[in-house]
Amino acid sequence: MPPKAKINGVEQKIVRMNVPYSDPAVGITGTYFIGYARHWTVTKKMLENMIEKHDYLLSFSDILSGQLFFIPSRPLLDKIADGELSK
């Protein structure tokens, strides 16, 4: 069972996916960890737990790099479009 993401003792909601990739021409294979959560702290906690509790995935893979993408909510997009954040 994958580690849980708990903050202040409360289990947080996160969708966790591991997506395989491969480039056979150069001999590279691996997996992308993808986590969808409402707050970055939840994703960060999940990653910390994977390392601290030795997630099974790390038995046969190495962490090479990472990226974080922010997807704004619809109300925030409306504020950006209306120029409210630049005032």
C-alpha atoms as a PDB file:
ATOM      1  CA  MET A   1       0.000   0.000   0.000  1.00  0.00           C
ATOM      2  CA  PRO A   2       1.394   3.437  -0.913  1.00  0.00           C
ATOM      3  CA  PRO A   3       2.280   5.859   1.857  1.00  0.00           C
ATOM      4  CA  LYS A   4      -0.508   8.172   2.963  1.00  0.00           C
ATOM      5  CA  ALA A   5      -0.213  11.943   2.875  1.00  0.00           C
ATOM      6  CA  LYS A   6      -1.096  13.120   6.386  1.00  0.00           C
ATOM      7  CA  ILE A   7      -0.796  16.716   7.506  1.00  0.00           C
ATOM      8  CA  ASN A   8      -1.406  17.477  11.192  1.00  0.00           C
ATOM      9  CA  GLY A   9      -2.699  13.912  11.580  1.00  0.00           C
ATOM     10  CA  VAL A  10      -5.383  14.351   8.903  1.00  0.00           C
ATOM     11  CA  GLU A  11      -5.183  12.183   5.788  1.00  0.00           C
ATOM     12  CA  GLN A  12      -5.198  14.369   2.684  1.00  0.00           C
ATOM     13  CA  LYS A  13      -6.737  13.618  -0.677  1.00  0.00           C
ATOM     14  CA  ILE A  14      -4.334  12.960  -3.542  1.00  0.00           C
ATOM     15  CA  VAL A  15      -4.540  11.054  -6.799  1.00  0.00           C
ATOM     16  CA  ARG A  16      -1.251   9.264  -7.361  1.00  0.00           C
ATOM     17  CA  MET A  17      -0.226   7.827 -10.716  1.00  0.00           C
ATOM     18  CA  ASN A  18       2.961   6.336 -12.097  1.00  0.00           C
ATOM     19  CA  VAL A  19       3.163   6.491 -15.868  1.00  0.00           C
ATOM     20  CA  PRO A  20       5.859   4.488 -17.684  1.00  0.00           C
ATOM     21  CA  TYR A  21       7.919   5.888 -20.543  1.00  0.00           C
ATOM     22  CA  SER A  22      10.664   4.556 -22.773  1.00  0.00           C
ATOM     23  CA  ASP A  23      13.061   5.666 -25.470  1.00  0.00           C
ATOM     24  CA  PRO A  24      14.514   2.357 -26.719  1.00  0.00           C
ATOM     25  CA  ALA A  25      16.780   4.097 -29.234  1.00  0.00           C
ATOM     26  CA  VAL A  26      18.907   5.452 -26.380  1.00  0.00           C
ATOM     27  CA  GLY A  27      18.116   2.757 -23.813  1.00  0.00           C
ATOM     28  CA  ILE A  28      16.157   4.952 -21.411  1.00  0.00           C
ATOM     29  CA  THR A  29      13.127   3.677 -19.528  1.00  0.00           C
ATOM     30  CA  GLY A  30      11.437   4.954 -16.411  1.00  0.00           C
ATOM     31  CA  THR A  31       8.289   6.208 -14.808  1.00  0.00           C
ATOM     32  CA  TYR A  32       6.774   9.590 -14.166  1.00  0.00           C
ATOM     33  CA  PHE A  33       5.241  10.133 -10.738  1.00  0.00           C
ATOM     34  CA  ILE A  34       2.118  12.254 -11.142  1.00  0.00           C
ATOM     35  CA  GLY A  35       0.244  13.566  -8.125  1.00  0.00           C
ATOM     36  CA  TYR A  36      -2.958  15.592  -8.303  1.00  0.00           C
ATOM     37  CA  ALA A  37      -3.870  17.443  -5.111  1.00  0.00           C
ATOM     38  CA  ARG A  38      -5.612  20.636  -4.092  1.00  0.00           C
ATOM     39  CA  HIS A  39      -2.519  21.973  -2.310  1.00  0.00           C
ATOM     40  CA  TRP A  40       1.182  21.624  -3.124  1.00  0.00           C
ATOM     41  CA  THR A  41       1.901  20.648   0.495  1.00  0.00           C
ATOM     42  CA  VAL A  42      -0.048  17.398  -0.023  1.00  0.00           C
ATOM     43  CA  THR A  43       2.021  16.398  -3.061  1.00  0.00           C
ATOM     44  CA  LYS A  44       5.221  17.374  -1.263  1.00  0.00           C
ATOM     45  CA  LYS A  45       4.259  15.269   1.775  1.00  0.00           C
ATOM     46  CA  MET A  46       3.496  12.277  -0.474  1.00  0.00           C
ATOM     47  CA  LEU A  47       6.942  12.537  -2.083  1.00  0.00           C
ATOM     48  CA  GLU A  48       8.632  12.870   1.312  1.00  0.00           C
ATOM     49  CA  ASN A  49       6.767   9.777   2.539  1.00  0.00           C
ATOM     50  CA  MET A  50       7.808   7.822  -0.558  1.00  0.00           C
ATOM     51  CA  ILE A  51      11.468   8.526   0.238  1.00  0.00           C
ATOM     52  CA  GLU A  52      11.334   8.215   4.049  1.00  0.00           C
ATOM     53  CA  LYS A  53       9.236   5.010   4.085  1.00  0.00           C
ATOM     54  CA  HIS A  54      11.010   3.515   1.042  1.00  0.00           C
ATOM     55  CA  ASP A  55       8.142   3.212  -1.408  1.00  0.00           C
ATOM     56  CA  TYR A  56       8.267  -0.064  -3.370  1.00  0.00           C
ATOM     57  CA  LEU A  57       8.631   1.884  -6.628  1.00  0.00           C
ATOM     58  CA  LEU A  58      12.037   3.086  -5.413  1.00  0.00           C
ATOM     59  CA  SER A  59      13.253  -0.528  -5.149  1.00  0.00           C
ATOM     60  CA  PHE A  60      13.892  -0.573  -8.897  1.00  0.00           C
ATOM     61  CA  SER A  61      14.009   3.076  -9.934  1.00  0.00           C
ATOM     62  CA  ASP A  62      16.013   6.235  -9.187  1.00  0.00           C
ATOM     63  CA  ILE A  63      14.782   9.799  -8.777  1.00  0.00           C
ATOM     64  CA  LEU A  64      16.415  11.910 -11.480  1.00  0.00           C
ATOM     65  CA  SER A  65      14.480  15.170 -11.610  1.00  0.00           C
ATOM     66  CA  GLY A  66      11.164  16.822 -10.885  1.00  0.00           C
ATOM     67  CA  GLN A  67       8.689  19.459 -12.009  1.00  0.00           C
ATOM     68  CA  LEU A  68       5.752  21.225 -10.425  1.00  0.00           C
ATOM     69  CA  PHE A  69       2.857  22.635 -12.427  1.00  0.00           C
ATOM     70  CA  PHE A  70       0.196  24.950 -11.030  1.00  0.00           C
ATOM     71  CA  ILE A  71      -3.284  24.927 -12.520  1.00  0.00           C
ATOM     72  CA  PRO A  72      -5.294  27.933 -11.342  1.00  0.00           C
ATOM     73  CA  SER A  73      -8.946  27.636 -10.386  1.00  0.00           C
ATOM     74  CA  ARG A  74     -11.644  29.042 -12.635  1.00  0.00           C
ATOM     75  CA  PRO A  75     -12.312  32.020 -10.293  1.00  0.00           C
ATOM     76  CA  LEU A  76      -8.593  32.850 -10.254  1.00  0.00           C
ATOM     77  CA  LEU A  77      -8.463  32.666 -14.067  1.00  0.00           C
ATOM     78  CA  ASP A  78     -11.410  35.087 -14.179  1.00  0.00           C
ATOM     79  CA  LYS A  79      -9.535  37.517 -11.898  1.00  0.00           C
ATOM     80  CA  ILE A  80      -6.435  37.272 -14.076  1.00  0.00           C
ATOM     81  CA  ALA A  81      -8.497  37.839 -17.247  1.00  0.00           C
ATOM     82  CA  ASP A  82     -10.238  40.862 -15.653  1.00  0.00           C
ATOM     83  CA  GLY A  83      -6.891  42.333 -14.595  1.00  0.00           C
ATOM     84  CA  GLU A  84      -7.835  42.255 -10.897  1.00  0.00           C
ATOM     85  CA  LEU A  85      -4.489  40.824  -9.820  1.00  0.00           C
ATOM     86  CA  SER A  86      -2.461  43.583 -11.444  1.00  0.00           C
ATOM     87  CA  LYS A  87      -4.155  46.380  -9.482  1.00  0.00           C
END
